[in-house]
Amino acid sequence: MTGKLIGAVAGFTALIAVFAAFAMADGEKDSVVTLNVAKTGFSGNVDSKTKQCVEGRTVKVIKRKHRRETKIGTTVTGPEGNWILPRKSVKPGVYLAKVRRTDDGSETGIYCGGDRSGKVVFGK
């Protein structure tokens, strides 16, 4: 009887682990970066449910052409996650923004995931 009970508990535990993995895969991203493009530069926001994953994040703006990515520049988010990368003029093209994941949280205890914005077509 105990063997059947242990087997049932082990099976139930495995089932819970599988459902948890699927829930995490379909769940929201830890960090989300947005991108706006204008004639005089780039702007956007990094948002997260974890406050420590909003301020001080490095955002990289990239121009994409023929499956090649060229870095335009980087900037850092402010207290509310807003960021700005000014330019004298922005050329037509396809742009996106990236925020990298932070360390594994071993020192801070906080892990912040990375994200890529959607592609933004400007001036075409």
Protein backbone atom coordinates (compact mmCIF):
# COMPACT_ATOMS: atom_id res chain seq x y z
CA MET A 1 0.00 0.00 0.00
CA THR A 2 2.78 2.46 0.82
CA GLY A 3 4.51 1.72 -2.49
CA LYS A 4 1.34 2.67 -4.40
CA LEU A 5 0.98 5.85 -2.34
CA ILE A 6 4.61 6.86 -2.97
CA GLY A 7 4.17 6.18 -6.69
CA ALA A 8 1.01 8.26 -6.80
CA VAL A 9 2.64 11.17 -5.00
CA ALA A 10 5.70 11.00 -7.29
CA GLY A 11 3.47 10.95 -10.38
CA PHE A 12 1.41 13.88 -9.10
CA THR A 13 4.59 15.87 -8.33
CA ALA A 14 5.93 15.23 -11.85
CA LEU A 15 2.61 16.34 -13.34
CA ILE A 16 2.71 19.60 -11.36
CA ALA A 17 6.28 20.25 -12.57
CA VAL A 18 5.23 19.77 -16.21
CA PHE A 19 2.28 22.18 -15.86
CA ALA A 20 4.53 24.75 -14.13
CA ALA A 21 7.05 24.57 -16.99
CA PHE A 22 4.31 25.16 -19.57
CA ALA A 23 2.87 28.04 -17.54
CA MET A 24 6.28 29.72 -17.38
CA ALA A 25 6.86 29.22 -21.11
CA ASP A 26 3.51 30.81 -22.00
CA GLY A 27 3.66 33.46 -19.26
CA GLU A 28 4.65 37.06 -19.56
CA LYS A 29 8.24 38.06 -20.16
CA ASP A 30 10.19 39.29 -17.15
CA SER A 31 11.32 42.42 -19.01
CA VAL A 32 9.73 44.12 -22.01
CA VAL A 33 11.47 46.79 -24.12
CA THR A 34 9.68 49.16 -26.51
CA LEU A 35 11.04 51.36 -29.30
CA ASN A 36 9.86 54.62 -30.87
CA VAL A 37 11.70 56.16 -33.83
CA ALA A 38 11.59 59.84 -34.80
CA LYS A 39 13.64 62.17 -37.05
CA THR A 40 15.78 63.22 -34.07
CA GLY A 41 16.39 59.91 -32.35
CA PHE A 42 15.08 56.89 -30.54
CA SER A 43 13.16 56.41 -27.32
CA GLY A 44 11.26 53.74 -25.46
CA ASN A 45 10.71 52.02 -22.16
CA VAL A 46 11.79 48.92 -20.27
CA ASP A 47 9.01 47.51 -18.13
CA SER A 48 9.02 44.70 -15.59
CA LYS A 49 6.98 43.57 -12.61
CA THR A 50 10.27 43.64 -10.68
CA LYS A 51 11.17 47.29 -9.89
CA GLN A 52 14.90 46.50 -9.81
CA CYS A 53 14.66 45.34 -13.45
CA VAL A 54 13.51 48.77 -14.71
CA GLU A 55 16.09 51.41 -13.72
CA GLY A 56 19.68 51.32 -14.92
CA ARG A 57 19.17 48.79 -17.73
CA THR A 58 21.35 49.15 -20.81
CA VAL A 59 19.37 49.40 -24.06
CA LYS A 60 21.00 48.88 -27.45
CA VAL A 61 19.42 50.29 -30.63
CA ILE A 62 20.12 48.33 -33.80
CA LYS A 63 19.49 48.94 -37.50
CA ARG A 64 18.59 45.82 -39.45
CA LYS A 65 19.33 45.52 -43.16
CA HIS A 66 19.46 42.32 -45.21
CA ARG A 67 19.47 40.16 -42.04
CA ARG A 68 22.51 42.07 -40.75
CA GLU A 69 22.35 44.07 -37.55
CA THR A 70 24.39 47.25 -37.03
CA LYS A 71 24.58 48.85 -33.60
CA ILE A 72 23.43 52.47 -33.64
CA GLY A 73 24.16 53.17 -29.98
CA THR A 74 23.41 52.35 -26.37
CA THR A 75 21.81 54.20 -23.49
CA VAL A 76 20.62 53.50 -19.93
CA THR A 77 17.08 53.58 -18.54
CA GLY A 78 15.96 56.13 -15.97
CA PRO A 79 14.01 55.53 -12.73
CA GLU A 80 10.74 54.77 -14.56
CA GLY A 81 12.38 52.65 -17.28
CA ASN A 82 12.27 55.39 -19.92
CA TRP A 83 15.22 55.78 -22.25
CA ILE A 84 16.29 58.20 -25.01
CA LEU A 85 19.02 57.96 -27.65
CA PRO A 86 19.16 61.33 -29.46
CA ARG A 87 20.55 61.71 -32.99
CA LYS A 88 21.01 64.67 -35.35
CA SER A 89 18.99 62.76 -37.93
CA VAL A 90 17.74 59.21 -38.33
CA LYS A 91 18.03 57.57 -41.74
CA PRO A 92 15.20 55.48 -43.16
CA GLY A 93 15.39 51.83 -42.22
CA VAL A 94 14.28 49.02 -39.95
CA TYR A 95 15.22 49.42 -36.28
CA LEU A 96 14.86 47.44 -33.08
CA ALA A 97 15.91 47.77 -29.45
CA LYS A 98 17.44 45.12 -27.20
CA VAL A 99 17.86 44.85 -23.46
CA ARG A 100 20.12 42.04 -22.26
CA ARG A 101 19.39 39.78 -19.37
CA THR A 102 21.23 40.55 -16.16
CA ASP A 103 23.44 38.15 -14.27
CA ASP A 104 22.05 34.95 -12.83
CA GLY A 105 21.11 36.74 -9.61
CA SER A 106 23.77 35.01 -7.54
CA GLU A 107 25.02 38.28 -6.03
CA THR A 108 21.85 40.36 -5.98
CA GLY A 109 19.26 37.62 -5.74
CA ILE A 110 17.41 39.30 -8.63
CA TYR A 111 17.34 38.04 -12.20
CA CYS A 112 16.13 40.32 -15.00
CA GLY A 113 15.32 38.75 -18.35
CA GLY A 114 16.26 40.20 -21.72
CA ASP A 115 13.99 41.24 -24.57
CA ARG A 116 13.90 42.56 -28.15
CA SER A 117 11.38 45.13 -29.29
CA GLY A 118 9.38 44.59 -32.40
CA LYS A 119 10.85 45.89 -35.66
CA VAL A 120 10.04 49.52 -36.41
CA VAL A 121 10.14 50.69 -40.03
CA PHE A 122 11.06 54.35 -40.31
CA GLY A 123 10.89 56.63 -43.36
CA LYS A 124 10.30 53.99 -46.02
